[in-house]
């Protein structure tokens, strides 16, 4: 079992930056690939970014490429999402997720590959 807790959300002006954190506990953190997803009312959960077990590979949704950066610190059992040049369309509840599935390597943005989820943190971008 893995426990995930997101933090760092809040209100930011368009064009600003925000850094989200996700702290993990319960099992060896490096055994899990990690992903960030976001969701707004009436929409399906949307893939944002993912990072492999050791952090050697990263993946991004087209909508955030060049603006967001995912990273991890296995010594601290924490994954981060640096969000730059934010716009109102980025407003959502952001969730971190963990997976031990090797299916991650071919489909890192597939929700069903993730077995553990955090509670989410709200990000609101004002225009």
N, C-alpha and C. Protein backbone atom coordinates (compact mmCIF):
# COMPACT_ATOMS: atom_id res chain seq x y z
N UNK A 1 0.83 -1.18 0.00
CA UNK A 1 0.00 0.00 0.00
C UNK A 1 0.88 1.25 0.00
N UNK A 2 0.46 2.25 -0.78
CA UNK A 2 1.18 3.50 -0.89
C UNK A 2 0.23 4.65 -0.54
N UNK A 3 0.72 5.55 0.27
CA UNK A 3 -0.02 6.76 0.61
C UNK A 3 0.60 7.95 -0.12
N UNK A 4 -0.23 8.75 -0.76
CA UNK A 4 0.24 9.91 -1.51
C UNK A 4 -0.47 11.16 -1.01
N UNK A 5 0.29 12.22 -0.78
CA UNK A 5 -0.27 13.48 -0.31
C UNK A 5 0.28 14.62 -1.14
N UNK A 6 -0.61 15.30 -1.86
CA UNK A 6 -0.22 16.44 -2.68
C UNK A 6 -0.24 17.72 -1.85
N UNK A 7 0.56 18.68 -2.28
CA UNK A 7 0.56 19.99 -1.66
C UNK A 7 1.10 21.00 -2.67
N UNK A 8 0.93 22.27 -2.37
CA UNK A 8 1.48 23.32 -3.20
C UNK A 8 0.50 24.02 -4.10
N UNK A 9 -0.74 23.57 -4.12
CA UNK A 9 -1.74 24.23 -4.94
C UNK A 9 -2.12 25.58 -4.37
N UNK A 10 -2.85 26.34 -5.17
CA UNK A 10 -3.27 27.65 -4.73
C UNK A 10 -3.73 28.51 -5.88
N UNK A 11 -3.80 29.80 -5.63
CA UNK A 11 -4.24 30.77 -6.63
C UNK A 11 -3.04 31.50 -7.20
N UNK A 12 -2.99 31.59 -8.51
CA UNK A 12 -1.88 32.26 -9.18
C UNK A 12 -2.41 33.02 -10.39
N UNK A 13 -1.78 34.13 -10.72
CA UNK A 13 -2.17 34.90 -11.89
C UNK A 13 -1.67 34.25 -13.17
N UNK A 14 -2.38 34.48 -14.25
CA UNK A 14 -1.96 33.97 -15.55
C UNK A 14 -0.53 34.42 -15.85
N UNK A 15 0.26 33.49 -16.36
CA UNK A 15 1.65 33.77 -16.63
C UNK A 15 2.58 33.45 -15.48
N UNK A 16 2.01 33.17 -14.33
CA UNK A 16 2.79 32.86 -13.16
C UNK A 16 3.20 31.40 -13.08
N UNK A 17 3.84 31.06 -11.97
CA UNK A 17 4.37 29.72 -11.76
C UNK A 17 3.91 29.16 -10.43
N UNK A 18 3.91 27.84 -10.36
CA UNK A 18 3.53 27.14 -9.15
C UNK A 18 4.24 25.80 -9.14
N UNK A 19 4.62 25.34 -7.97
CA UNK A 19 5.28 24.05 -7.84
C UNK A 19 4.48 23.14 -6.92
N UNK A 20 4.03 22.02 -7.46
CA UNK A 20 3.31 21.04 -6.68
C UNK A 20 4.25 19.96 -6.18
N UNK A 21 3.94 19.42 -5.01
CA UNK A 21 4.71 18.33 -4.44
C UNK A 21 3.78 17.18 -4.10
N UNK A 22 4.31 15.99 -4.16
CA UNK A 22 3.57 14.79 -3.77
C UNK A 22 4.49 13.92 -2.95
N UNK A 23 4.18 13.79 -1.67
CA UNK A 23 4.97 12.98 -0.76
C UNK A 23 4.38 11.58 -0.66
N UNK A 24 5.23 10.58 -0.78
CA UNK A 24 4.80 9.19 -0.76
C UNK A 24 5.33 8.47 0.48
N UNK A 25 4.55 7.51 0.93
CA UNK A 25 4.97 6.68 2.05
C UNK A 25 4.32 5.31 1.92
N UNK A 26 4.83 4.34 2.66
CA UNK A 26 4.23 3.02 2.70
C UNK A 26 5.07 1.93 2.06
N UNK A 27 5.66 2.20 0.91
CA UNK A 27 6.51 1.27 0.22
C UNK A 27 7.68 2.00 -0.40
N UNK A 28 8.62 1.23 -0.92
CA UNK A 28 9.80 1.82 -1.52
C UNK A 28 9.40 2.71 -2.69
N UNK A 29 9.67 4.00 -2.56
CA UNK A 29 9.23 4.99 -3.53
C UNK A 29 9.80 4.73 -4.91
N UNK A 30 11.06 4.32 -4.98
CA UNK A 30 11.71 4.12 -6.27
C UNK A 30 11.14 2.95 -7.05
N UNK A 31 10.30 2.14 -6.43
CA UNK A 31 9.67 1.02 -7.12
C UNK A 31 8.47 1.45 -7.96
N UNK A 32 8.10 2.72 -7.87
CA UNK A 32 6.91 3.21 -8.54
C UNK A 32 7.23 4.33 -9.53
N UNK A 33 6.65 4.19 -10.71
CA UNK A 33 6.59 5.32 -11.62
C UNK A 33 5.49 6.25 -11.12
N UNK A 34 5.63 7.53 -11.39
CA UNK A 34 4.70 8.52 -10.86
C UNK A 34 4.10 9.36 -11.97
N UNK A 35 2.86 9.74 -11.77
CA UNK A 35 2.19 10.58 -12.73
C UNK A 35 1.42 11.71 -12.07
N UNK A 36 1.19 12.76 -12.83
CA UNK A 36 0.32 13.85 -12.43
C UNK A 36 -0.86 13.90 -13.39
N UNK A 37 -2.05 14.02 -12.84
CA UNK A 37 -3.28 14.15 -13.61
C UNK A 37 -4.05 15.35 -13.08
N UNK A 38 -4.98 15.83 -13.88
CA UNK A 38 -5.82 16.92 -13.42
C UNK A 38 -7.25 16.70 -13.88
N UNK A 39 -8.18 17.31 -13.15
CA UNK A 39 -9.59 17.11 -13.45
C UNK A 39 -10.40 18.35 -13.10
N UNK A 40 -11.31 18.71 -14.00
CA UNK A 40 -12.26 19.80 -13.77
C UNK A 40 -13.66 19.22 -13.83
N UNK A 41 -14.64 19.90 -13.23
CA UNK A 41 -16.01 19.39 -13.25
C UNK A 41 -16.51 19.13 -14.66
N UNK A 42 -17.11 17.96 -14.85
CA UNK A 42 -17.67 17.60 -16.14
C UNK A 42 -16.69 17.03 -17.14
N UNK A 43 -15.43 16.91 -16.76
CA UNK A 43 -14.42 16.37 -17.65
C UNK A 43 -13.76 15.14 -17.03
N UNK A 44 -13.25 14.27 -17.90
CA UNK A 44 -12.52 13.11 -17.44
C UNK A 44 -11.17 13.54 -16.89
N UNK A 45 -10.63 12.69 -16.05
CA UNK A 45 -9.30 12.96 -15.53
C UNK A 45 -8.29 12.97 -16.68
N UNK A 46 -7.49 14.01 -16.73
CA UNK A 46 -6.59 14.26 -17.84
C UNK A 46 -5.14 14.07 -17.44
N UNK A 47 -4.41 13.35 -18.27
CA UNK A 47 -2.99 13.16 -18.03
C UNK A 47 -2.24 14.47 -18.19
N UNK A 48 -1.29 14.70 -17.31
CA UNK A 48 -0.47 15.90 -17.36
C UNK A 48 0.99 15.56 -17.61
N UNK A 49 1.56 14.74 -16.74
CA UNK A 49 2.98 14.40 -16.84
C UNK A 49 3.25 13.12 -16.08
N UNK A 50 4.35 12.46 -16.43
CA UNK A 50 4.74 11.24 -15.74
C UNK A 50 6.25 11.10 -15.74
N UNK A 51 6.75 10.32 -14.80
CA UNK A 51 8.18 10.12 -14.67
C UNK A 51 8.44 8.67 -14.29
N UNK A 52 9.49 8.09 -14.87
CA UNK A 52 9.79 6.69 -14.67
C UNK A 52 10.36 6.42 -13.29
N UNK A 53 10.58 5.15 -13.00
CA UNK A 53 10.99 4.68 -11.67
C UNK A 53 12.23 5.40 -11.15
N UNK A 54 13.22 5.58 -12.00
CA UNK A 54 14.47 6.21 -11.58
C UNK A 54 14.55 7.67 -12.00
N UNK A 55 13.55 8.13 -12.72
CA UNK A 55 13.54 9.51 -13.17
C UNK A 55 14.25 9.75 -14.48
N UNK A 56 14.65 8.69 -15.16
CA UNK A 56 15.41 8.84 -16.40
C UNK A 56 14.53 9.21 -17.59
N UNK A 57 13.24 8.94 -17.50
CA UNK A 57 12.32 9.24 -18.60
C UNK A 57 11.15 10.06 -18.08
N UNK A 58 10.76 11.05 -18.86
CA UNK A 58 9.59 11.87 -18.53
C UNK A 58 8.65 11.93 -19.72
N UNK A 59 7.38 12.17 -19.43
CA UNK A 59 6.35 12.21 -20.45
C UNK A 59 5.40 13.36 -20.13
N UNK A 60 4.92 14.03 -21.18
CA UNK A 60 4.07 15.19 -20.99
C UNK A 60 2.91 15.19 -21.96
N UNK A 61 1.78 15.68 -21.49
CA UNK A 61 0.67 15.95 -22.39
C UNK A 61 1.04 17.11 -23.30
N UNK A 62 0.50 17.10 -24.51
CA UNK A 62 0.82 18.17 -25.46
C UNK A 62 0.45 19.55 -24.91
N UNK A 63 -0.59 19.60 -24.12
CA UNK A 63 -1.08 20.87 -23.61
C UNK A 63 -0.13 21.54 -22.62
N UNK A 64 0.81 20.78 -22.07
CA UNK A 64 1.71 21.35 -21.07
C UNK A 64 3.17 21.28 -21.46
N UNK A 65 3.48 20.70 -22.61
CA UNK A 65 4.86 20.60 -23.05
C UNK A 65 5.49 21.98 -23.16
N UNK A 66 6.69 22.08 -22.63
CA UNK A 66 7.40 23.34 -22.66
C UNK A 66 7.07 24.26 -21.52
N UNK A 67 6.03 23.95 -20.76
CA UNK A 67 5.62 24.79 -19.64
C UNK A 67 5.77 24.09 -18.29
N UNK A 68 5.49 22.80 -18.26
CA UNK A 68 5.55 22.03 -17.02
C UNK A 68 6.76 21.12 -17.02
N UNK A 69 7.26 20.81 -15.84
CA UNK A 69 8.38 19.89 -15.70
C UNK A 69 8.15 19.00 -14.48
N UNK A 70 8.22 17.70 -14.69
CA UNK A 70 8.08 16.75 -13.60
C UNK A 70 9.46 16.27 -13.17
N UNK A 71 9.63 16.06 -11.89
CA UNK A 71 10.89 15.56 -11.36
C UNK A 71 10.61 14.75 -10.11
N UNK A 72 11.61 13.99 -9.67
CA UNK A 72 11.43 13.22 -8.45
C UNK A 72 12.72 13.19 -7.65
N UNK A 73 12.56 13.06 -6.36
CA UNK A 73 13.68 12.92 -5.44
C UNK A 73 13.41 11.67 -4.63
N UNK A 74 14.00 10.56 -5.04
CA UNK A 74 13.71 9.30 -4.38
C UNK A 74 14.21 9.26 -2.93
N UNK A 75 15.25 10.02 -2.64
CA UNK A 75 15.75 10.08 -1.27
C UNK A 75 14.72 10.72 -0.35
N UNK A 76 13.90 11.61 -0.89
CA UNK A 76 12.85 12.27 -0.12
C UNK A 76 11.47 11.68 -0.37
N UNK A 77 11.40 10.66 -1.22
CA UNK A 77 10.13 10.01 -1.58
C UNK A 77 9.11 11.04 -2.04
N UNK A 78 9.54 11.94 -2.90
CA UNK A 78 8.69 13.04 -3.34
C UNK A 78 8.80 13.25 -4.84
N UNK A 79 7.68 13.52 -5.47
CA UNK A 79 7.64 13.89 -6.87
C UNK A 79 7.12 15.31 -6.97
N UNK A 80 7.63 16.06 -7.94
CA UNK A 80 7.28 17.46 -8.09
C UNK A 80 6.71 17.74 -9.47
N UNK A 81 5.92 18.78 -9.55
CA UNK A 81 5.45 19.28 -10.83
C UNK A 81 5.66 20.79 -10.83
N UNK A 82 6.66 21.23 -11.58
CA UNK A 82 6.91 22.65 -11.74
C UNK A 82 6.05 23.15 -12.89
N UNK A 83 5.19 24.11 -12.62
CA UNK A 83 4.27 24.64 -13.61
C UNK A 83 4.61 26.09 -13.88
N UNK A 84 4.96 26.39 -15.12
CA UNK A 84 5.31 27.74 -15.53
C UNK A 84 4.35 28.23 -16.60
N UNK A 85 4.32 29.54 -16.77
CA UNK A 85 3.46 30.17 -17.77
C UNK A 85 2.03 29.63 -17.69
N UNK A 86 1.50 29.65 -16.51
CA UNK A 86 0.15 29.12 -16.29
C UNK A 86 -0.91 29.98 -16.95
N UNK A 87 -1.95 29.34 -17.41
CA UNK A 87 -3.09 30.04 -17.99
C UNK A 87 -4.37 29.52 -17.35
N UNK A 88 -5.48 30.22 -17.52
CA UNK A 88 -6.73 29.80 -16.87
C UNK A 88 -7.17 28.38 -17.23
N UNK A 89 -6.78 27.88 -18.39
CA UNK A 89 -7.13 26.52 -18.78
C UNK A 89 -6.43 25.47 -17.93
N UNK A 90 -5.43 25.87 -17.18
CA UNK A 90 -4.73 24.95 -16.28
C UNK A 90 -5.46 24.79 -14.95
N UNK A 91 -6.49 25.57 -14.73
CA UNK A 91 -7.26 25.47 -13.49
C UNK A 91 -7.89 24.09 -13.37
N UNK A 92 -7.62 23.42 -12.27
CA UNK A 92 -8.12 22.07 -12.06
C UNK A 92 -7.68 21.57 -10.69
N UNK A 93 -8.22 20.43 -10.30
CA UNK A 93 -7.68 19.71 -9.17
C UNK A 93 -6.59 18.79 -9.72
N UNK A 94 -5.41 18.88 -9.15
CA UNK A 94 -4.28 18.09 -9.61
C UNK A 94 -4.04 16.92 -8.67
N UNK A 95 -3.89 15.74 -9.25
CA UNK A 95 -3.68 14.52 -8.50
C UNK A 95 -2.35 13.88 -8.87
N UNK A 96 -1.65 13.37 -7.89
CA UNK A 96 -0.51 12.53 -8.20
C UNK A 96 -0.92 11.07 -8.06
N UNK A 97 -0.24 10.21 -8.77
CA UNK A 97 -0.56 8.80 -8.79
C UNK A 97 0.70 7.97 -8.92
N UNK A 98 0.63 6.73 -8.44
CA UNK A 98 1.77 5.83 -8.47
C UNK A 98 1.40 4.51 -9.12
N UNK A 99 2.36 3.94 -9.83
CA UNK A 99 2.13 2.64 -10.46
C UNK A 99 3.41 1.82 -10.47
N UNK A 100 3.24 0.53 -10.26
CA UNK A 100 4.33 -0.42 -10.41
C UNK A 100 4.20 -1.21 -11.70
N UNK A 101 3.17 -0.92 -12.49
CA UNK A 101 2.90 -1.64 -13.73
C UNK A 101 3.90 -1.28 -14.81
N UNK A 102 4.39 -2.31 -15.50
CA UNK A 102 5.29 -2.07 -16.62
C UNK A 102 4.55 -1.52 -17.83
N UNK A 103 3.22 -1.54 -17.78
CA UNK A 103 2.44 -0.92 -18.82
C UNK A 103 2.69 0.57 -18.91
N UNK A 104 3.19 1.13 -17.85
CA UNK A 104 3.53 2.55 -17.82
C UNK A 104 4.50 2.93 -18.93
N UNK A 105 5.40 2.03 -19.26
CA UNK A 105 6.46 2.35 -20.22
C UNK A 105 5.92 2.62 -21.61
N UNK A 106 4.79 2.03 -21.96
CA UNK A 106 4.20 2.23 -23.28
C UNK A 106 3.01 3.17 -23.25
N UNK A 107 2.32 3.23 -22.13
CA UNK A 107 1.15 4.10 -21.98
C UNK A 107 1.21 4.83 -20.64
N UNK A 108 2.12 5.77 -20.51
CA UNK A 108 2.28 6.47 -19.22
C UNK A 108 1.11 7.36 -18.86
N UNK A 109 0.27 7.71 -19.83
CA UNK A 109 -0.86 8.58 -19.55
C UNK A 109 -2.18 7.87 -19.34
N UNK A 110 -2.14 6.56 -19.26
CA UNK A 110 -3.35 5.76 -19.10
C UNK A 110 -3.71 5.64 -17.63
N UNK A 111 -4.88 6.11 -17.27
CA UNK A 111 -5.31 6.15 -15.87
C UNK A 111 -5.30 4.77 -15.23
N UNK A 112 -5.75 3.75 -15.97
CA UNK A 112 -5.90 2.42 -15.39
C UNK A 112 -4.59 1.79 -14.97
N UNK A 113 -3.47 2.33 -15.41
CA UNK A 113 -2.17 1.79 -15.02
C UNK A 113 -1.76 2.22 -13.62
N UNK A 114 -2.45 3.19 -13.05
CA UNK A 114 -2.08 3.72 -11.75
C UNK A 114 -2.96 3.14 -10.66
N UNK A 115 -2.37 2.54 -9.66
CA UNK A 115 -3.13 1.90 -8.61
C UNK A 115 -3.27 2.72 -7.33
N UNK A 116 -2.48 3.76 -7.18
CA UNK A 116 -2.55 4.60 -5.99
C UNK A 116 -2.70 6.05 -6.39
N UNK A 117 -3.55 6.76 -5.65
CA UNK A 117 -3.86 8.15 -5.95
C UNK A 117 -3.87 9.00 -4.69
N UNK A 118 -3.44 10.24 -4.84
CA UNK A 118 -3.52 11.19 -3.75
C UNK A 118 -4.89 11.83 -3.69
N UNK A 119 -5.07 12.73 -2.73
CA UNK A 119 -6.37 13.36 -2.52
C UNK A 119 -6.62 14.55 -3.43
N UNK A 120 -5.59 15.05 -4.06
CA UNK A 120 -5.71 16.17 -4.97
C UNK A 120 -5.43 17.51 -4.32
N UNK A 121 -4.97 18.45 -5.12
CA UNK A 121 -4.75 19.81 -4.65
C UNK A 121 -5.25 20.78 -5.72
N UNK A 122 -5.96 21.80 -5.29
CA UNK A 122 -6.60 22.73 -6.21
C UNK A 122 -5.60 23.75 -6.74
N UNK A 123 -5.61 23.92 -8.05
CA UNK A 123 -4.83 24.97 -8.70
C UNK A 123 -5.81 25.87 -9.44
N UNK A 124 -5.78 27.15 -9.13
CA UNK A 124 -6.65 28.11 -9.78
C UNK A 124 -5.81 29.22 -10.40
N UNK A 125 -5.99 29.44 -11.69
CA UNK A 125 -5.24 30.46 -12.42
C UNK A 125 -6.20 31.55 -12.84
N UNK A 126 -5.96 32.75 -12.38
CA UNK A 126 -6.82 33.88 -12.71
C UNK A 126 -6.33 34.59 -13.95
N UNK A 127 -7.27 35.12 -14.73
CA UNK A 127 -6.93 35.82 -15.95
C UNK A 127 -6.68 37.29 -15.71
